[in-house]
Amino acid sequence: MERGSNKHGARVDDEMAHEVRGIVQGVTGGRVEESREAEPSGEDQPEVSGVLEEDETRDLTRFGRYIGLSALPGDREKLRQSAETLLAPDDVLADLDSLPEGQEFGTVVEIWRALGR
């Protein structure tokens, strides 16, 4: 019994196997066609931020725990109300109180940067 496709010949099967080899085997840069290459970020895409140290990650995670998703995007007052609802500790509330008035923040990272961290 011969294994193969009953729709294509052996040559076409080999070509098709070669075309998807990079996808199937997960080889980086193994794309056969240029159209399958990953495109770089566009001008309208946000820049990738740097990697945080372990302590910074822990602090940011702790801070973000007290910012409700429903408060984003939001200004200082909206963020403060959300943090109070989530029973944030005094240091988190003090950080939120030190944010500039009238500025709206879309993410926890934006808030973190505005705090100078």
PDB file of N, CA and C in Angstrom:
ATOM      1  N   MET A   1       0.847  -1.172   0.000  1.00  0.00           N
ATOM      2  CA  MET A   1       0.000   0.000   0.000  1.00  0.00           C
ATOM      3  C   MET A   1       0.894   1.238   0.000  1.00  0.00           C
ATOM      4  N   GLU A   2       0.648   2.131  -0.895  1.00  0.00           N
ATOM      5  CA  GLU A   2       1.438   3.353  -1.018  1.00  0.00           C
ATOM      6  C   GLU A   2       0.763   4.466  -0.233  1.00  0.00           C
ATOM      7  N   ARG A   3       1.573   5.144   0.614  1.00  0.00           N
ATOM      8  CA  ARG A   3       1.027   6.253   1.398  1.00  0.00           C
ATOM      9  C   ARG A   3       1.191   7.530   0.601  1.00  0.00           C
ATOM     10  N   GLY A   4       0.215   8.350   0.614  1.00  0.00           N
ATOM     11  CA  GLY A   4       0.280   9.606  -0.115  1.00  0.00           C
ATOM     12  C   GLY A   4      -1.106  10.155  -0.326  1.00  0.00           C
ATOM     13  N   SER A   5      -1.152  11.270  -0.938  1.00  0.00           N
ATOM     14  CA  SER A   5      -2.415  11.924  -1.203  1.00  0.00           C
ATOM     15  C   SER A   5      -3.041  11.345  -2.449  1.00  0.00           C
ATOM     16  N   ASN A   6      -4.334  11.201  -2.426  1.00  0.00           N
ATOM     17  CA  ASN A   6      -5.010  10.726  -3.623  1.00  0.00           C
ATOM     18  C   ASN A   6      -5.444  11.898  -4.501  1.00  0.00           C
ATOM     19  N   LYS A   7      -5.186  13.141  -4.047  1.00  0.00           N
ATOM     20  CA  LYS A   7      -5.538  14.313  -4.833  1.00  0.00           C
ATOM     21  C   LYS A   7      -4.340  14.869  -5.591  1.00  0.00           C
ATOM     22  N   HIS A   8      -3.123  14.614  -5.092  1.00  0.00           N
ATOM     23  CA  HIS A   8      -1.919  15.189  -5.672  1.00  0.00           C
ATOM     24  C   HIS A   8      -0.928  14.075  -5.973  1.00  0.00           C
ATOM     25  N   GLY A   9       0.009  14.423  -6.791  1.00  0.00           N
ATOM     26  CA  GLY A   9       1.098  13.496  -7.050  1.00  0.00           C
ATOM     27  C   GLY A   9       2.174  13.640  -5.985  1.00  0.00           C
ATOM     28  N   ALA A  10       3.177  12.768  -6.028  1.00  0.00           N
ATOM     29  CA  ALA A  10       4.248  12.772  -5.040  1.00  0.00           C
ATOM     30  C   ALA A  10       5.036  14.084  -5.080  1.00  0.00           C
ATOM     31  N   ARG A  11       5.261  14.640  -6.254  1.00  0.00           N
ATOM     32  CA  ARG A  11       6.014  15.878  -6.374  1.00  0.00           C
ATOM     33  C   ARG A  11       5.275  17.038  -5.697  1.00  0.00           C
ATOM     34  N   VAL A  12       3.982  17.143  -5.918  1.00  0.00           N
ATOM     35  CA  VAL A  12       3.183  18.211  -5.307  1.00  0.00           C
ATOM     36  C   VAL A  12       3.127  18.019  -3.798  1.00  0.00           C
ATOM     37  N   ASP A  13       3.009  16.768  -3.340  1.00  0.00           N
ATOM     38  CA  ASP A  13       3.014  16.507  -1.901  1.00  0.00           C
ATOM     39  C   ASP A  13       4.319  16.949  -1.269  1.00  0.00           C
ATOM     40  N   ASP A  14       5.441  16.684  -1.940  1.00  0.00           N
ATOM     41  CA  ASP A  14       6.748  17.095  -1.420  1.00  0.00           C
ATOM     42  C   ASP A  14       6.859  18.614  -1.364  1.00  0.00           C
ATOM     43  N   GLU A  15       6.372  19.312  -2.380  1.00  0.00           N
ATOM     44  CA  GLU A  15       6.400  20.777  -2.386  1.00  0.00           C
ATOM     45  C   GLU A  15       5.563  21.344  -1.251  1.00  0.00           C
ATOM     46  N   MET A  16       4.402  20.781  -1.058  1.00  0.00           N
ATOM     47  CA  MET A  16       3.525  21.263   0.006  1.00  0.00           C
ATOM     48  C   MET A  16       4.153  21.011   1.381  1.00  0.00           C
ATOM     49  N   ALA A  17       4.788  19.863   1.550  1.00  0.00           N
ATOM     50  CA  ALA A  17       5.445  19.559   2.814  1.00  0.00           C
ATOM     51  C   ALA A  17       6.582  20.542   3.062  1.00  0.00           C
ATOM     52  N   HIS A  18       7.318  20.895   2.034  1.00  0.00           N
ATOM     53  CA  HIS A  18       8.423  21.842   2.169  1.00  0.00           C
ATOM     54  C   HIS A  18       7.906  23.234   2.538  1.00  0.00           C
ATOM     55  N   GLU A  19       6.783  23.638   1.989  1.00  0.00           N
ATOM     56  CA  GLU A  19       6.219  24.958   2.254  1.00  0.00           C
ATOM     57  C   GLU A  19       5.809  25.135   3.707  1.00  0.00           C
ATOM     58  N   VAL A  20       5.344  24.094   4.347  1.00  0.00           N
ATOM     59  CA  VAL A  20       4.857  24.217   5.726  1.00  0.00           C
ATOM     60  C   VAL A  20       5.863  23.718   6.759  1.00  0.00           C
ATOM     61  N   ARG A  21       7.041  23.325   6.331  1.00  0.00           N
ATOM     62  CA  ARG A  21       8.030  22.783   7.263  1.00  0.00           C
ATOM     63  C   ARG A  21       8.331  23.770   8.392  1.00  0.00           C
ATOM     64  N   GLY A  22       8.530  25.045   8.083  1.00  0.00           N
ATOM     65  CA  GLY A  22       8.824  26.039   9.113  1.00  0.00           C
ATOM     66  C   GLY A  22       7.694  26.199  10.108  1.00  0.00           C
ATOM     67  N   ILE A  23       6.478  26.050   9.652  1.00  0.00           N
ATOM     68  CA  ILE A  23       5.323  26.181  10.533  1.00  0.00           C
ATOM     69  C   ILE A  23       5.170  24.935  11.398  1.00  0.00           C
ATOM     70  N   VAL A  24       5.312  23.780  10.791  1.00  0.00           N
ATOM     71  CA  VAL A  24       5.102  22.516  11.497  1.00  0.00           C
ATOM     72  C   VAL A  24       6.218  22.255  12.507  1.00  0.00           C
ATOM     73  N   GLN A  25       7.457  22.510  12.115  1.00  0.00           N
ATOM     74  CA  GLN A  25       8.572  22.214  12.995  1.00  0.00           C
ATOM     75  C   GLN A  25       8.900  23.359  13.935  1.00  0.00           C
ATOM     76  N   GLY A  26       8.335  24.520  13.710  1.00  0.00           N
ATOM     77  CA  GLY A  26       8.554  25.653  14.593  1.00  0.00           C
ATOM     78  C   GLY A  26       9.942  26.250  14.479  1.00  0.00           C
ATOM     79  N   VAL A  27      10.546  26.168  13.317  1.00  0.00           N
ATOM     80  CA  VAL A  27      11.876  26.717  13.108  1.00  0.00           C
ATOM     81  C   VAL A  27      11.755  28.227  12.927  1.00  0.00           C
ATOM     82  N   THR A  28      12.483  28.974  13.750  1.00  0.00           N
ATOM     83  CA  THR A  28      12.455  30.430  13.646  1.00  0.00           C
ATOM     84  C   THR A  28      13.068  30.853  12.328  1.00  0.00           C
ATOM     85  N   GLY A  29      12.379  31.705  11.616  1.00  0.00           N
ATOM     86  CA  GLY A  29      12.883  32.164  10.335  1.00  0.00           C
ATOM     87  C   GLY A  29      12.778  31.111   9.257  1.00  0.00           C
ATOM     88  N   GLY A  30      12.028  30.069   9.495  1.00  0.00           N
ATOM     89  CA  GLY A  30      11.932  28.986   8.536  1.00  0.00           C
ATOM     90  C   GLY A  30      10.789  29.145   7.561  1.00  0.00           C
ATOM     91  N   ARG A  31      10.314  30.325   7.392  1.00  0.00           N
ATOM     92  CA  ARG A  31       9.201  30.551   6.483  1.00  0.00           C
ATOM     93  C   ARG A  31       9.686  30.458   5.038  1.00  0.00           C
ATOM     94  N   VAL A  32       8.941  29.781   4.217  1.00  0.00           N
ATOM     95  CA  VAL A  32       9.313  29.616   2.827  1.00  0.00           C
ATOM     96  C   VAL A  32       8.977  30.869   2.037  1.00  0.00           C
ATOM     97  N   GLU A  33       7.829  31.420   2.298  1.00  0.00           N
ATOM     98  CA  GLU A  33       7.379  32.585   1.552  1.00  0.00           C
ATOM     99  C   GLU A  33       7.571  33.852   2.380  1.00  0.00           C
ATOM    100  N   GLU A  34       7.975  34.907   1.712  1.00  0.00           N
ATOM    101  CA  GLU A  34       8.185  36.180   2.398  1.00  0.00           C
ATOM    102  C   GLU A  34       6.886  36.694   3.009  1.00  0.00           C
ATOM    103  N   SER A  35       5.759  36.393   2.384  1.00  0.00           N
ATOM    104  CA  SER A  35       4.474  36.881   2.890  1.00  0.00           C
ATOM    105  C   SER A  35       4.116  36.270   4.242  1.00  0.00           C
ATOM    106  N   ARG A  36       4.786  35.194   4.622  1.00  0.00           N
ATOM    107  CA  ARG A  36       4.508  34.549   5.905  1.00  0.00           C
ATOM    108  C   ARG A  36       5.404  35.068   7.029  1.00  0.00           C
ATOM    109  N   GLU A  37       6.342  35.941   6.709  1.00  0.00           N
ATOM    110  CA  GLU A  37       7.221  36.504   7.722  1.00  0.00           C
ATOM    111  C   GLU A  37       6.422  37.441   8.629  1.00  0.00           C
ATOM    112  N   ALA A  38       6.788  37.454   9.889  1.00  0.00           N
ATOM    113  CA  ALA A  38       6.139  38.363  10.833  1.00  0.00           C
ATOM    114  C   ALA A  38       6.540  39.797  10.509  1.00  0.00           C
ATOM    115  N   GLU A  39       5.571  40.690  10.551  1.00  0.00           N
ATOM    116  CA  GLU A  39       5.843  42.087  10.242  1.00  0.00           C
ATOM    117  C   GLU A  39       6.257  42.829  11.512  1.00  0.00           C
ATOM    118  N   PRO A  40       7.132  43.807  11.375  1.00  0.00           N
ATOM    119  CA  PRO A  40       7.508  44.603  12.549  1.00  0.00           C
ATOM    120  C   PRO A  40       6.338  45.483  12.989  1.00  0.00           C
ATOM    121  N   SER A  41       6.421  45.989  14.193  1.00  0.00           N
ATOM    122  CA  SER A  41       5.366  46.866  14.711  1.00  0.00           C
ATOM    123  C   SER A  41       5.263  48.113  13.849  1.00  0.00           C
ATOM    124  N   GLY A  42       4.048  48.582  13.649  1.00  0.00           N
ATOM    125  CA  GLY A  42       3.814  49.782  12.856  1.00  0.00           C
ATOM    126  C   GLY A  42       4.049  51.040  13.659  1.00  0.00           C
ATOM    127  N   GLU A  43       3.979  52.164  12.982  1.00  0.00           N
ATOM    128  CA  GLU A  43       4.200  53.445  13.635  1.00  0.00           C
ATOM    129  C   GLU A  43       3.122  53.760  14.670  1.00  0.00           C
ATOM    130  N   ASP A  44       1.920  53.224  14.462  1.00  0.00           N
ATOM    131  CA  ASP A  44       0.828  53.501  15.381  1.00  0.00           C
ATOM    132  C   ASP A  44       0.784  52.531  16.559  1.00  0.00           C
ATOM    133  N   GLN A  45       1.735  51.607  16.633  1.00  0.00           N
ATOM    134  CA  GLN A  45       1.771  50.620  17.710  1.00  0.00           C
ATOM    135  C   GLN A  45       2.610  51.160  18.870  1.00  0.00           C
ATOM    136  N   PRO A  46       2.251  50.790  20.093  1.00  0.00           N
ATOM    137  CA  PRO A  46       3.032  51.268  21.238  1.00  0.00           C
ATOM    138  C   PRO A  46       4.420  50.640  21.249  1.00  0.00           C
ATOM    139  N   GLU A  47       5.369  51.373  21.839  1.00  0.00           N
ATOM    140  CA  GLU A  47       6.720  50.853  21.952  1.00  0.00           C
ATOM    141  C   GLU A  47       6.760  49.779  23.031  1.00  0.00           C
ATOM    142  N   VAL A  48       7.631  48.819  22.833  1.00  0.00           N
ATOM    143  CA  VAL A  48       7.792  47.751  23.804  1.00  0.00           C
ATOM    144  C   VAL A  48       8.612  48.300  24.957  1.00  0.00           C
ATOM    145  N   SER A  49       8.096  48.119  26.156  1.00  0.00           N
ATOM    146  CA  SER A  49       8.808  48.636  27.317  1.00  0.00           C
ATOM    147  C   SER A  49       9.908  47.660  27.716  1.00  0.00           C
ATOM    148  N   GLY A  50      10.845  48.159  28.489  1.00  0.00           N
ATOM    149  CA  GLY A  50      11.955  47.334  28.949  1.00  0.00           C
ATOM    150  C   GLY A  50      11.493  46.289  29.958  1.00  0.00           C
ATOM    151  N   VAL A  51      12.359  45.368  30.242  1.00  0.00           N
ATOM    152  CA  VAL A  51      12.058  44.306  31.198  1.00  0.00           C
ATOM    153  C   VAL A  51      12.318  44.842  32.603  1.00  0.00           C
ATOM    154  N   LEU A  52      11.380  44.596  33.486  1.00  0.00           N
ATOM    155  CA  LEU A  52      11.514  45.053  34.861  1.00  0.00           C
ATOM    156  C   LEU A  52      12.295  44.036  35.688  1.00  0.00           C
ATOM    157  N   GLU A  53      12.956  44.531  36.708  1.00  0.00           N
ATOM    158  CA  GLU A  53      13.622  43.651  37.659  1.00  0.00           C
ATOM    159  C   GLU A  53      12.558  42.944  38.495  1.00  0.00           C
ATOM    160  N   GLU A  54      12.946  41.900  39.197  1.00  0.00           N
ATOM    161  CA  GLU A  54      11.998  41.107  39.969  1.00  0.00           C
ATOM    162  C   GLU A  54      11.279  41.936  41.028  1.00  0.00           C
ATOM    163  N   ASP A  55      12.031  42.781  41.759  1.00  0.00           N
ATOM    164  CA  ASP A  55      11.411  43.620  42.799  1.00  0.00           C
ATOM    165  C   ASP A  55      10.445  44.629  42.193  1.00  0.00           C
ATOM    166  N   GLU A  56      10.834  45.214  41.057  1.00  0.00           N
ATOM    167  CA  GLU A  56       9.961  46.178  40.383  1.00  0.00           C
ATOM    168  C   GLU A  56       8.687  45.502  39.898  1.00  0.00           C
ATOM    169  N   THR A  57       8.823  44.291  39.391  1.00  0.00           N
ATOM    170  CA  THR A  57       7.659  43.537  38.911  1.00  0.00           C
ATOM    171  C   THR A  57       6.714  43.252  40.070  1.00  0.00           C
ATOM    172  N   ARG A  58       7.272  42.865  41.189  1.00  0.00           N
ATOM    173  CA  ARG A  58       6.450  42.567  42.362  1.00  0.00           C
ATOM    174  C   ARG A  58       5.713  43.825  42.836  1.00  0.00           C
ATOM    175  N   ASP A  59       6.424  44.964  42.861  1.00  0.00           N
ATOM    176  CA  ASP A  59       5.805  46.223  43.287  1.00  0.00           C
ATOM    177  C   ASP A  59       4.698  46.663  42.332  1.00  0.00           C
ATOM    178  N   LEU A  60       4.969  46.548  41.038  1.00  0.00           N
ATOM    179  CA  LEU A  60       3.968  46.928  40.035  1.00  0.00           C
ATOM    180  C   LEU A  60       2.740  46.025  40.124  1.00  0.00           C
ATOM    181  N   THR A  61       2.973  44.739  40.315  1.00  0.00           N
ATOM    182  CA  THR A  61       1.858  43.792  40.437  1.00  0.00           C
ATOM    183  C   THR A  61       1.018  44.107  41.664  1.00  0.00           C
ATOM    184  N   ARG A  62       1.683  44.389  42.767  1.00  0.00           N
ATOM    185  CA  ARG A  62       0.957  44.735  44.000  1.00  0.00           C
ATOM    186  C   ARG A  62       0.146  46.015  43.790  1.00  0.00           C
ATOM    187  N   PHE A  63       0.758  47.019  43.173  1.00  0.00           N
ATOM    188  CA  PHE A  63       0.071  48.281  42.917  1.00  0.00           C
ATOM    189  C   PHE A  63      -1.126  48.062  41.997  1.00  0.00           C
ATOM    190  N   GLY A  64      -0.924  47.324  40.905  1.00  0.00           N
ATOM    191  CA  GLY A  64      -1.977  47.093  39.927  1.00  0.00           C
ATOM    192  C   GLY A  64      -3.152  46.302  40.465  1.00  0.00           C
ATOM    193  N   ARG A  65      -2.916  45.549  41.512  1.00  0.00           N
ATOM    194  CA  ARG A  65      -3.977  44.753  42.128  1.00  0.00           C
ATOM    195  C   ARG A  65      -5.101  45.640  42.665  1.00  0.00           C
ATOM    196  N   TYR A  66      -4.772  46.880  42.986  1.00  0.00           N
ATOM    197  CA  TYR A  66      -5.754  47.787  43.581  1.00  0.00           C
ATOM    198  C   TYR A  66      -6.331  48.792  42.580  1.00  0.00           C
ATOM    199  N   ILE A  67      -6.024  48.613  41.311  1.00  0.00           N
ATOM    200  CA  ILE A  67      -6.599  49.450  40.264  1.00  0.00           C
ATOM    201  C   ILE A  67      -7.586  48.596  39.492  1.00  0.00           C
ATOM    202  N   GLY A  68      -8.853  48.857  39.667  1.00  0.00           N
ATOM    203  CA  GLY A  68      -9.873  48.065  38.980  1.00  0.00           C
ATOM    204  C   GLY A  68      -9.907  48.368  37.484  1.00  0.00           C
ATOM    205  N   LEU A  69     -10.169  47.349  36.683  1.00  0.00           N
ATOM    206  CA  LEU A  69     -10.232  47.545  35.231  1.00  0.00           C
ATOM    207  C   LEU A  69     -11.326  48.529  34.842  1.00  0.00           C
ATOM    208  N   SER A  70     -12.378  48.592  35.634  1.00  0.00           N
ATOM    209  CA  SER A  70     -13.463  49.526  35.318  1.00  0.00           C
ATOM    210  C   SER A  70     -13.032  50.983  35.517  1.00  0.00           C
ATOM    211  N   ALA A  71     -11.933  51.197  36.228  1.00  0.00           N
ATOM    212  CA  ALA A  71     -11.451  52.562  36.460  1.00  0.00           C
ATOM    213  C   ALA A  71     -10.565  53.058  35.325  1.00  0.00           C
ATOM    214  N   LEU A  72     -10.211  52.180  34.415  1.00  0.00           N
ATOM    215  CA  LEU A  72      -9.325  52.550  33.306  1.00  0.00           C
ATOM    216  C   LEU A  72     -10.107  52.692  32.023  1.00  0.00           C
ATOM    217  N   PRO A  73      -9.868  53.676  31.221  1.00  0.00           N
ATOM    218  CA  PRO A  73      -9.031  54.830  31.529  1.00  0.00           C
ATOM    219  C   PRO A  73      -9.715  55.721  32.561  1.00  0.00           C
ATOM    220  N   GLY A  74      -8.871  56.370  33.363  1.00  0.00           N
ATOM    221  CA  GLY A  74      -9.430  57.217  34.405  1.00  0.00           C
ATOM    222  C   GLY A  74      -8.423  58.215  34.932  1.00  0.00           C
ATOM    223  N   ASP A  75      -8.961  59.217  35.591  1.00  0.00           N
ATOM    224  CA  ASP A  75      -8.114  60.241  36.193  1.00  0.00           C
ATOM    225  C   ASP A  75      -7.841  59.884  37.657  1.00  0.00           C
ATOM    226  N   ARG A  76      -7.179  60.794  38.356  1.00  0.00           N
ATOM    227  CA  ARG A  76      -6.763  60.542  39.735  1.00  0.00           C
ATOM    228  C   ARG A  76      -7.940  60.186  40.637  1.00  0.00           C
ATOM    229  N   GLU A  77      -9.043  60.907  40.519  1.00  0.00           N
ATOM    230  CA  GLU A  77     -10.190  60.663  41.393  1.00  0.00           C
ATOM    231  C   GLU A  77     -10.836  59.298  41.127  1.00  0.00           C
ATOM    232  N   LYS A  78     -10.984  58.977  39.860  1.00  0.00           N
ATOM    233  CA  LYS A  78     -11.601  57.695  39.510  1.00  0.00           C
ATOM    234  C   LYS A  78     -10.728  56.531  39.972  1.00  0.00           C
ATOM    235  N   LEU A  79      -9.419  56.671  39.816  1.00  0.00           N
ATOM    236  CA  LEU A  79      -8.492  55.628  40.262  1.00  0.00           C
ATOM    237  C   LEU A  79      -8.515  55.493  41.781  1.00  0.00           C
ATOM    238  N   ARG A  80      -8.604  56.627  42.466  1.00  0.00           N
ATOM    239  CA  ARG A  80      -8.645  56.622  43.944  1.00  0.00           C
ATOM    240  C   ARG A  80      -9.916  55.914  44.430  1.00  0.00           C
ATOM    241  N   GLN A  81     -11.059  56.201  43.817  1.00  0.00           N
ATOM    242  CA  GLN A  81     -12.311  55.551  44.203  1.00  0.00           C
ATOM    243  C   GLN A  81     -12.234  54.041  44.000  1.00  0.00           C
ATOM    244  N   SER A  82     -11.652  53.628  42.880  1.00  0.00           N
ATOM    245  CA  SER A  82     -11.508  52.206  42.605  1.00  0.00           C
ATOM    246  C   SER A  82     -10.606  51.543  43.637  1.00  0.00           C
ATOM    247  N   ALA A  83      -9.501  52.205  43.974  1.00  0.00           N
ATOM    248  CA  ALA A  83      -8.573  51.646  44.957  1.00  0.00           C
ATOM    249  C   ALA A  83      -9.217  51.541  46.336  1.00  0.00           C
ATOM    250  N   GLU A  84     -10.015  52.528  46.704  1.00  0.00           N
ATOM    251  CA  GLU A  84     -10.718  52.465  47.990  1.00  0.00           C
ATOM    252  C   GLU A  84     -11.705  51.305  48.012  1.00  0.00           C
ATOM    253  N   THR A  85     -12.401  51.096  46.901  1.00  0.00           N
ATOM    254  CA  THR A  85     -13.352  49.994  46.800  1.00  0.00           C
ATOM    255  C   THR A  85     -12.640  48.647  46.963  1.00  0.00           C
ATOM    256  N   LEU A  86     -11.414  48.562  46.447  1.00  0.00           N
ATOM    257  CA  LEU A  86     -10.639  47.321  46.527  1.00  0.00           C
ATOM    258  C   LEU A  86      -9.785  47.251  47.797  1.00  0.00           C
ATOM    259  N   LEU A  87     -10.078  48.146  48.750  1.00  0.00           N
ATOM    260  CA  LEU A  87      -9.417  48.168  50.053  1.00  0.00           C
ATOM    261  C   LEU A  87      -7.896  48.274  49.941  1.00  0.00           C
ATOM    262  N   ALA A  88      -7.448  49.244  49.154  1.00  0.00           N
ATOM    263  CA  ALA A  88      -6.018  49.461  48.952  1.00  0.00           C
ATOM    264  C   ALA A  88      -5.370  49.973  50.232  1.00  0.00           C
ATOM    265  N   PRO A  89      -4.115  49.593  50.474  1.00  0.00           N
ATOM    266  CA  PRO A  89      -3.398  50.103  51.649  1.00  0.00           C
ATOM    267  C   PRO A  89      -3.070  51.591  51.492  1.00  0.00           C
ATOM    268  N   ASP A  90      -2.675  52.207  52.586  1.00  0.00           N
ATOM    269  CA  ASP A  90      -2.429  53.650  52.603  1.00  0.00           C
ATOM    270  C   ASP A  90      -1.351  54.092  51.625  1.00  0.00           C
ATOM    271  N   ASP A  91      -0.294  53.295  51.450  1.00  0.00           N
ATOM    272  CA  ASP A  91       0.780  53.713  50.545  1.00  0.00           C
ATOM    273  C   ASP A  91       0.308  53.773  49.094  1.00  0.00           C
ATOM    274  N   VAL A  92      -0.577  52.880  48.695  1.00  0.00           N
ATOM    275  CA  VAL A  92      -1.123  52.901  47.333  1.00  0.00           C
ATOM    276  C   VAL A  92      -2.023  54.118  47.164  1.00  0.00           C
ATOM    277  N   LEU A  93      -2.846  54.405  48.167  1.00  0.00           N
ATOM    278  CA  LEU A  93      -3.719  55.582  48.105  1.00  0.00           C
ATOM    279  C   LEU A  93      -2.892  56.862  48.049  1.00  0.00           C
ATOM    280  N   ALA A  94      -1.802  56.916  48.800  1.00  0.00           N
ATOM    281  CA  ALA A  94      -0.934  58.096  48.781  1.00  0.00           C
ATOM    282  C   ALA A  94      -0.295  58.265  47.405  1.00  0.00           C
ATOM    283  N   ASP A  95       0.105  57.153  46.785  1.00  0.00           N
ATOM    284  CA  ASP A  95       0.661  57.232  45.428  1.00  0.00           C
ATOM    285  C   ASP A  95      -0.369  57.789  44.461  1.00  0.00           C
ATOM    286  N   LEU A  96      -1.601  57.328  44.565  1.00  0.00           N
ATOM    287  CA  LEU A  96      -2.651  57.804  43.663  1.00  0.00           C
ATOM    288  C   LEU A  96      -2.941  59.287  43.902  1.00  0.00           C
ATOM    289  N   ASP A  97      -2.878  59.713  45.156  1.00  0.00           N
ATOM    290  CA  ASP A  97      -3.104  61.127  45.469  1.00  0.00           C
ATOM    291  C   ASP A  97      -2.007  62.018  44.899  1.00  0.00           C
ATOM    292  N   SER A  98      -0.824  61.460  44.671  1.00  0.00           N
ATOM    293  CA  SER A  98       0.288  62.261  44.156  1.00  0.00           C
ATOM    294  C   SER A  98       0.292  62.358  42.626  1.00  0.00           C
ATOM    295  N   LEU A  99      -0.654  61.690  41.967  1.00  0.00           N
ATOM    296  CA  LEU A  99      -0.736  61.773  40.504  1.00  0.00           C
ATOM    297  C   LEU A  99      -1.161  63.174  40.079  1.00  0.00           C
ATOM    298  N   PRO A 100      -0.733  63.607  38.895  1.00  0.00           N
ATOM    299  CA  PRO A 100      -1.145  64.934  38.416  1.00  0.00           C
ATOM    300  C   PRO A 100      -2.660  65.009  38.209  1.00  0.00           C
ATOM    301  N   GLU A 101      -3.222  66.126  38.565  1.00  0.00           N
ATOM    302  CA  GLU A 101      -4.668  66.322  38.448  1.00  0.00           C
ATOM    303  C   GLU A 101      -5.040  66.595  36.999  1.00  0.00           C
ATOM    304  N   GLY A 102      -6.170  66.042  36.572  1.00  0.00           N
ATOM    305  CA  GLY A 102      -6.684  66.287  35.232  1.00  0.00           C
ATOM    306  C   GLY A 102      -6.085  65.416  34.139  1.00  0.00           C
ATOM    307  N   GLN A 103      -5.128  64.569  34.467  1.00  0.00           N
ATOM    308  CA  GLN A 103      -4.529  63.675  33.471  1.00  0.00           C
ATOM    309  C   GLN A 103      -5.233  62.327  33.525  1.00  0.00           C
ATOM    310  N   GLU A 104      -5.512  61.763  32.347  1.00  0.00           N
ATOM    311  CA  GLU A 104      -6.190  60.472  32.278  1.00  0.00           C
ATOM    312  C   GLU A 104      -5.164  59.392  31.959  1.00  0.00           C
ATOM    313  N   PHE A 105      -5.302  58.261  32.626  1.00  0.00           N
ATOM    314  CA  PHE A 105      -4.384  57.144  32.461  1.00  0.00           C
ATOM    315  C   PHE A 105      -5.139  55.953  31.883  1.00  0.00           C
ATOM    316  N   GLY A 106      -4.533  55.300  30.880  1.00  0.00           N
ATOM    317  CA  GLY A 106      -5.185  54.181  30.219  1.00  0.00           C
ATOM    318  C   GLY A 106      -4.770  52.825  30.734  1.00  0.00           C
ATOM    319  N   THR A 107      -3.583  52.759  31.345  1.00  0.00           N
ATOM    320  CA  THR A 107      -3.077  51.476  31.843  1.00  0.00           C
ATOM    321  C   THR A 107      -2.390  51.682  33.187  1.00  0.00           C
ATOM    322  N   VAL A 108      -2.181  50.587  33.896  1.00  0.00           N
ATOM    323  CA  VAL A 108      -1.472  50.641  35.172  1.00  0.00           C
ATOM    324  C   VAL A 108      -0.019  51.067  34.941  1.00  0.00           C
ATOM    325  N   VAL A 109       0.555  50.646  33.825  1.00  0.00           N
ATOM    326  CA  VAL A 109       1.937  51.015  33.518  1.00  0.00           C
ATOM    327  C   VAL A 109       2.062  52.529  33.325  1.00  0.00           C
ATOM    328  N   GLU A 110       1.076  53.153  32.703  1.00  0.00           N
ATOM    329  CA  GLU A 110       1.091  54.621  32.553  1.00  0.00           C
ATOM    330  C   GLU A 110       1.066  55.298  33.933  1.00  0.00           C
ATOM    331  N   ILE A 111       0.273  54.763  34.823  1.00  0.00           N
ATOM    332  CA  ILE A 111       0.212  55.313  36.195  1.00  0.00           C
ATOM    333  C   ILE A 111       1.558  55.139  36.866  1.00  0.00           C
ATOM    334  N   TRP A 112       2.140  53.957  36.719  1.00  0.00           N
ATOM    335  CA  TRP A 112       3.416  53.625  37.323  1.00  0.00           C
ATOM    336  C   TRP A 112       4.516  54.584  36.844  1.00  0.00           C
ATOM    337  N   ARG A 113       4.513  54.866  35.544  1.00  0.00           N
ATOM    338  CA  ARG A 113       5.498  55.800  34.976  1.00  0.00           C
ATOM    339  C   ARG A 113       5.272  57.219  35.493  1.00  0.00           C
ATOM    340  N   ALA A 114       4.005  57.613  35.627  1.00  0.00           N
ATOM    341  CA  ALA A 114       3.703  58.967  36.105  1.00  0.00           C
ATOM    342  C   ALA A 114       4.172  59.151  37.558  1.00  0.00           C
ATOM    343  N   LEU A 115       4.266  58.031  38.268  1.00  0.00           N
ATOM    344  CA  LEU A 115       4.765  58.077  39.645  1.00  0.00           C
ATOM    345  C   LEU A 115       6.291  58.091  39.684  1.00  0.00           C
ATOM    346  N   GLY A 116       6.907  58.020  38.498  1.00  0.00           N
ATOM    347  CA  GLY A 116       8.369  58.074  38.419  1.00  0.00           C
ATOM    348  C   GLY A 116       9.056  56.762  38.711  1.00  0.00           C
ATOM    349  N   ARG A 117       8.377  55.680  38.450  1.00  0.00           N
ATOM    350  CA  ARG A 117       8.968  54.375  38.732  1.00  0.00           C
ATOM    351  C   ARG A 117       9.313  53.634  37.468  1.00  0.00           C
TER     352      ARG A 117
END
